[in-house]
Amino acid sequence: MLYTDILLTDLLQEMEITDRARGLTDKTVKKNRKFLLMFFRYLDSEHSITSLRELQPVHIKQFMIYKKNEGAAESYVNVFLRCIRALCKYAEGECYITAEQNPTLY
C-alpha cells in the first residue's frame, strides 16, 4: 500500500535537498536532475504520468527501449536507470513507497 502520493518533480526536489545534505557534489546533483527531468518529460508526454503512484516497472522498461531506439548508447541508457533507481530508493527510504512497490525492483 502506498503511504502517500507525490509529484515526481516534488520528489526530485526533496531528493536534491537530501543529496546536498549528504555531501554529494553539485555535479552529481545536477546530473541526476538533468536525467530525471528528461525521464519525467517522457512519462508525461507518452503516458500522462506525473506522480510516483502512477509509475510502474513497465514505464521504465518502455523508456529504456525508447532511448535505445533513439540510438542512445547502452552506457547512456544505464545512467538514466541509475538515476531512476536512486529516486525510487529515496522514495522508499522516505516511506512514499514500500520495497515491494519500488518500480525499479523488477
N, C-alpha and C. Protein backbone atom coordinates (compact mmCIF):
# COMPACT_ATOMS: atom_id res chain seq x y z
N MET A 1 0.84 -1.18 0.00
CA MET A 1 0.00 0.00 0.00
C MET A 1 0.88 1.25 0.00
N LEU A 2 0.58 2.17 -0.87
CA LEU A 2 1.30 3.42 -0.96
C LEU A 2 0.91 4.31 0.22
N TYR A 3 1.88 4.81 0.93
CA TYR A 3 1.59 5.63 2.10
C TYR A 3 1.04 6.99 1.70
N THR A 4 1.62 7.60 0.70
CA THR A 4 1.16 8.90 0.23
C THR A 4 1.64 9.06 -1.21
N ASP A 5 1.00 9.93 -1.94
CA ASP A 5 1.44 10.16 -3.31
C ASP A 5 2.17 11.50 -3.36
N ILE A 6 3.03 11.63 -4.35
CA ILE A 6 3.80 12.85 -4.51
C ILE A 6 4.10 13.02 -5.99
N LEU A 7 4.11 14.26 -6.44
CA LEU A 7 4.52 14.54 -7.81
C LEU A 7 5.99 14.17 -7.97
N LEU A 8 6.34 13.65 -9.12
CA LEU A 8 7.72 13.25 -9.36
C LEU A 8 8.67 14.44 -9.23
N THR A 9 8.26 15.61 -9.70
CA THR A 9 9.12 16.79 -9.60
C THR A 9 9.32 17.21 -8.14
N ASP A 10 8.30 17.07 -7.32
CA ASP A 10 8.44 17.39 -5.89
C ASP A 10 9.36 16.39 -5.21
N LEU A 11 9.24 15.13 -5.60
CA LEU A 11 10.12 14.10 -5.05
C LEU A 11 11.57 14.38 -5.41
N LEU A 12 11.80 14.81 -6.64
CA LEU A 12 13.15 15.16 -7.07
C LEU A 12 13.70 16.31 -6.23
N GLN A 13 12.90 17.32 -5.99
CA GLN A 13 13.36 18.45 -5.17
C GLN A 13 13.74 17.99 -3.76
N GLU A 14 12.93 17.13 -3.18
CA GLU A 14 13.25 16.59 -1.86
C GLU A 14 14.55 15.80 -1.89
N MET A 15 14.72 14.97 -2.92
CA MET A 15 15.92 14.16 -3.03
C MET A 15 17.16 15.04 -3.18
N GLU A 16 17.04 16.13 -3.94
CA GLU A 16 18.17 17.04 -4.12
C GLU A 16 18.61 17.66 -2.80
N ILE A 17 17.66 18.05 -1.97
CA ILE A 17 17.99 18.62 -0.66
C ILE A 17 18.74 17.58 0.18
N THR A 18 18.22 16.37 0.19
CA THR A 18 18.86 15.29 0.95
C THR A 18 20.25 14.98 0.39
N ASP A 19 20.37 14.93 -0.93
CA ASP A 19 21.68 14.64 -1.54
C ASP A 19 22.71 15.71 -1.19
N ARG A 20 22.29 16.97 -1.22
CA ARG A 20 23.20 18.06 -0.85
C ARG A 20 23.59 17.95 0.63
N ALA A 21 22.62 17.61 1.48
CA ALA A 21 22.90 17.45 2.91
C ALA A 21 23.85 16.28 3.15
N ARG A 22 23.77 15.26 2.29
CA ARG A 22 24.66 14.10 2.40
C ARG A 22 26.05 14.39 1.86
N GLY A 23 26.22 15.54 1.21
CA GLY A 23 27.54 15.92 0.71
C GLY A 23 27.83 15.51 -0.72
N LEU A 24 26.79 15.14 -1.48
CA LEU A 24 27.04 14.83 -2.89
C LEU A 24 27.46 16.10 -3.62
N THR A 25 28.27 15.95 -4.63
CA THR A 25 28.77 17.11 -5.36
C THR A 25 27.66 17.75 -6.19
N ASP A 26 27.86 19.04 -6.49
CA ASP A 26 26.90 19.74 -7.35
C ASP A 26 26.78 19.04 -8.70
N LYS A 27 27.90 18.53 -9.19
CA LYS A 27 27.90 17.84 -10.48
C LYS A 27 26.96 16.63 -10.46
N THR A 28 27.01 15.86 -9.40
CA THR A 28 26.16 14.67 -9.27
C THR A 28 24.69 15.07 -9.15
N VAL A 29 24.40 16.06 -8.34
CA VAL A 29 23.02 16.51 -8.14
C VAL A 29 22.46 17.05 -9.45
N LYS A 30 23.25 17.83 -10.18
CA LYS A 30 22.80 18.39 -11.46
C LYS A 30 22.60 17.30 -12.50
N LYS A 31 23.49 16.30 -12.52
CA LYS A 31 23.34 15.18 -13.46
C LYS A 31 22.05 14.43 -13.19
N ASN A 32 21.79 14.13 -11.92
CA ASN A 32 20.55 13.43 -11.56
C ASN A 32 19.34 14.24 -12.01
N ARG A 33 19.36 15.54 -11.75
CA ARG A 33 18.25 16.42 -12.14
C ARG A 33 18.04 16.38 -13.65
N LYS A 34 19.10 16.53 -14.40
CA LYS A 34 19.01 16.56 -15.87
C LYS A 34 18.39 15.27 -16.40
N PHE A 35 18.90 14.14 -15.97
CA PHE A 35 18.41 12.86 -16.48
C PHE A 35 16.99 12.56 -16.01
N LEU A 36 16.70 12.87 -14.76
CA LEU A 36 15.35 12.60 -14.26
C LEU A 36 14.31 13.51 -14.89
N LEU A 37 14.66 14.76 -15.14
CA LEU A 37 13.69 15.65 -15.81
C LEU A 37 13.40 15.17 -17.24
N MET A 38 14.41 14.63 -17.92
CA MET A 38 14.16 14.06 -19.26
C MET A 38 13.21 12.86 -19.14
N PHE A 39 13.43 12.03 -18.14
CA PHE A 39 12.56 10.88 -17.89
C PHE A 39 11.15 11.35 -17.57
N PHE A 40 11.00 12.37 -16.73
CA PHE A 40 9.68 12.88 -16.37
C PHE A 40 8.95 13.44 -17.59
N ARG A 41 9.68 14.13 -18.47
CA ARG A 41 9.05 14.66 -19.68
C ARG A 41 8.51 13.53 -20.55
N TYR A 42 9.30 12.45 -20.67
CA TYR A 42 8.85 11.28 -21.41
C TYR A 42 7.58 10.71 -20.77
N LEU A 43 7.60 10.51 -19.45
CA LEU A 43 6.45 9.94 -18.76
C LEU A 43 5.19 10.77 -18.98
N ASP A 44 5.35 12.09 -18.90
CA ASP A 44 4.20 12.98 -19.07
C ASP A 44 3.69 12.96 -20.51
N SER A 45 4.60 13.04 -21.47
CA SER A 45 4.16 13.13 -22.87
C SER A 45 3.66 11.79 -23.42
N GLU A 46 4.25 10.70 -23.02
CA GLU A 46 3.88 9.39 -23.58
C GLU A 46 2.82 8.66 -22.76
N HIS A 47 2.77 8.92 -21.46
CA HIS A 47 1.87 8.15 -20.59
C HIS A 47 1.01 9.02 -19.67
N SER A 48 1.15 10.33 -19.75
CA SER A 48 0.44 11.26 -18.86
C SER A 48 0.66 10.94 -17.39
N ILE A 49 1.89 10.59 -17.07
CA ILE A 49 2.27 10.25 -15.69
C ILE A 49 3.05 11.41 -15.10
N THR A 50 2.61 11.87 -13.92
CA THR A 50 3.32 12.95 -13.23
C THR A 50 3.58 12.64 -11.76
N SER A 51 2.99 11.55 -11.25
CA SER A 51 3.15 11.25 -9.82
C SER A 51 3.77 9.87 -9.62
N LEU A 52 4.35 9.70 -8.47
CA LEU A 52 5.02 8.45 -8.13
C LEU A 52 4.05 7.28 -8.15
N ARG A 53 2.84 7.49 -7.66
CA ARG A 53 1.85 6.41 -7.58
C ARG A 53 1.58 5.77 -8.94
N GLU A 54 1.67 6.56 -9.99
CA GLU A 54 1.36 6.08 -11.33
C GLU A 54 2.51 5.31 -11.99
N LEU A 55 3.70 5.48 -11.49
CA LEU A 55 4.88 4.89 -12.12
C LEU A 55 4.94 3.38 -11.88
N GLN A 56 5.06 2.62 -12.97
CA GLN A 56 5.13 1.17 -12.91
C GLN A 56 6.41 0.69 -13.61
N PRO A 57 6.85 -0.53 -13.30
CA PRO A 57 8.06 -1.04 -13.95
C PRO A 57 7.98 -1.00 -15.48
N VAL A 58 6.81 -1.25 -16.04
CA VAL A 58 6.67 -1.26 -17.49
C VAL A 58 7.03 0.10 -18.09
N HIS A 59 6.73 1.19 -17.39
CA HIS A 59 7.05 2.52 -17.91
C HIS A 59 8.55 2.74 -17.98
N ILE A 60 9.27 2.23 -17.01
CA ILE A 60 10.73 2.34 -17.01
C ILE A 60 11.31 1.52 -18.15
N LYS A 61 10.80 0.31 -18.32
CA LYS A 61 11.28 -0.55 -19.41
C LYS A 61 10.99 0.08 -20.77
N GLN A 62 9.79 0.65 -20.93
CA GLN A 62 9.44 1.30 -22.19
C GLN A 62 10.35 2.49 -22.46
N PHE A 63 10.71 3.22 -21.42
CA PHE A 63 11.62 4.36 -21.58
C PHE A 63 13.00 3.88 -22.04
N MET A 64 13.48 2.80 -21.45
CA MET A 64 14.79 2.27 -21.84
C MET A 64 14.77 1.87 -23.33
N ILE A 65 13.71 1.23 -23.75
CA ILE A 65 13.57 0.84 -25.17
C ILE A 65 13.51 2.08 -26.05
N TYR A 66 12.75 3.08 -25.62
CA TYR A 66 12.63 4.34 -26.35
C TYR A 66 14.00 4.98 -26.55
N LYS A 67 14.80 5.05 -25.48
CA LYS A 67 16.13 5.67 -25.59
C LYS A 67 17.04 4.85 -26.52
N LYS A 68 16.97 3.53 -26.42
CA LYS A 68 17.79 2.67 -27.28
C LYS A 68 17.37 2.83 -28.74
N ASN A 69 16.08 2.94 -28.99
CA ASN A 69 15.58 3.13 -30.35
C ASN A 69 15.98 4.49 -30.91
N GLU A 70 16.22 5.45 -30.05
CA GLU A 70 16.72 6.76 -30.47
C GLU A 70 18.20 6.70 -30.86
N GLY A 71 18.83 5.57 -30.55
CA GLY A 71 20.24 5.40 -30.87
C GLY A 71 21.18 5.67 -29.71
N ALA A 72 20.62 5.79 -28.52
CA ALA A 72 21.44 6.05 -27.34
C ALA A 72 22.31 4.84 -27.03
N ALA A 73 23.53 5.10 -26.62
CA ALA A 73 24.46 4.04 -26.23
C ALA A 73 23.98 3.37 -24.95
N GLU A 74 24.33 2.12 -24.79
CA GLU A 74 23.95 1.36 -23.60
C GLU A 74 24.40 2.07 -22.32
N SER A 75 25.61 2.61 -22.33
CA SER A 75 26.13 3.30 -21.14
C SER A 75 25.29 4.54 -20.81
N TYR A 76 24.81 5.24 -21.83
CA TYR A 76 23.96 6.42 -21.64
C TYR A 76 22.62 6.02 -21.05
N VAL A 77 22.05 4.97 -21.57
CA VAL A 77 20.76 4.46 -21.06
C VAL A 77 20.91 4.01 -19.61
N ASN A 78 22.05 3.42 -19.28
CA ASN A 78 22.29 2.96 -17.91
C ASN A 78 22.38 4.12 -16.93
N VAL A 79 22.82 5.29 -17.37
CA VAL A 79 22.85 6.46 -16.50
C VAL A 79 21.41 6.82 -16.10
N PHE A 80 20.50 6.77 -17.05
CA PHE A 80 19.09 7.02 -16.74
C PHE A 80 18.60 6.02 -15.69
N LEU A 81 18.91 4.77 -15.91
CA LEU A 81 18.44 3.73 -15.00
C LEU A 81 19.00 3.94 -13.59
N ARG A 82 20.26 4.31 -13.47
CA ARG A 82 20.84 4.57 -12.15
C ARG A 82 20.15 5.74 -11.46
N CYS A 83 19.85 6.78 -12.22
CA CYS A 83 19.17 7.95 -11.65
C CYS A 83 17.74 7.61 -11.21
N ILE A 84 17.05 6.83 -12.03
CA ILE A 84 15.68 6.41 -11.70
C ILE A 84 15.69 5.53 -10.45
N ARG A 85 16.66 4.62 -10.39
CA ARG A 85 16.78 3.76 -9.20
C ARG A 85 17.06 4.58 -7.94
N ALA A 86 17.92 5.58 -8.08
CA ALA A 86 18.24 6.44 -6.92
C ALA A 86 16.99 7.16 -6.44
N LEU A 87 16.19 7.66 -7.36
CA LEU A 87 14.96 8.37 -6.99
C LEU A 87 13.99 7.42 -6.29
N CYS A 88 13.81 6.23 -6.83
CA CYS A 88 12.88 5.28 -6.24
C CYS A 88 13.38 4.76 -4.89
N LYS A 89 14.67 4.59 -4.76
CA LYS A 89 15.25 4.17 -3.48
C LYS A 89 15.05 5.27 -2.44
N TYR A 90 15.20 6.52 -2.87
CA TYR A 90 14.94 7.64 -1.98
C TYR A 90 13.47 7.63 -1.54
N ALA A 91 12.56 7.44 -2.49
CA ALA A 91 11.13 7.40 -2.19
C ALA A 91 10.81 6.29 -1.19
N GLU A 92 11.48 5.17 -1.35
CA GLU A 92 11.29 4.05 -0.42
C GLU A 92 11.81 4.43 0.97
N GLY A 93 12.97 5.04 1.03
CA GLY A 93 13.55 5.45 2.30
C GLY A 93 12.72 6.49 3.04
N GLU A 94 11.99 7.30 2.28
CA GLU A 94 11.13 8.33 2.87
C GLU A 94 9.69 7.84 3.07
N CYS A 95 9.46 6.56 2.85
CA CYS A 95 8.16 5.91 3.05
C CYS A 95 7.06 6.41 2.12
N TYR A 96 7.44 6.86 0.93
CA TYR A 96 6.43 7.16 -0.08
C TYR A 96 5.97 5.87 -0.75
N ILE A 97 6.86 4.88 -0.77
CA ILE A 97 6.56 3.55 -1.29
C ILE A 97 7.24 2.52 -0.40
N THR A 98 6.76 1.30 -0.47
CA THR A 98 7.41 0.19 0.24
C THR A 98 8.40 -0.46 -0.72
N ALA A 99 9.23 -1.32 -0.19
CA ALA A 99 10.19 -2.05 -1.03
C ALA A 99 9.46 -2.84 -2.12
N GLU A 100 8.31 -3.39 -1.78
CA GLU A 100 7.55 -4.18 -2.75
C GLU A 100 6.97 -3.31 -3.86
N GLN A 101 6.76 -2.03 -3.58
CA GLN A 101 6.19 -1.12 -4.57
C GLN A 101 7.26 -0.42 -5.41
N ASN A 102 8.51 -0.63 -5.08
CA ASN A 102 9.58 0.05 -5.81
C ASN A 102 9.60 -0.44 -7.25
N PRO A 103 9.29 0.45 -8.22
CA PRO A 103 9.18 0.02 -9.61
C PRO A 103 10.51 -0.35 -10.27
N THR A 104 11.62 -0.09 -9.59
CA THR A 104 12.92 -0.46 -10.18
C THR A 104 13.37 -1.85 -9.76
N LEU A 105 12.60 -2.51 -8.94
CA LEU A 105 12.96 -3.86 -8.49
C LEU A 105 12.24 -4.91 -9.31
N TYR A 106 12.53 -4.93 -10.59
CA TYR A 106 11.89 -5.89 -11.49
C TYR A 106 12.88 -6.86 -12.03
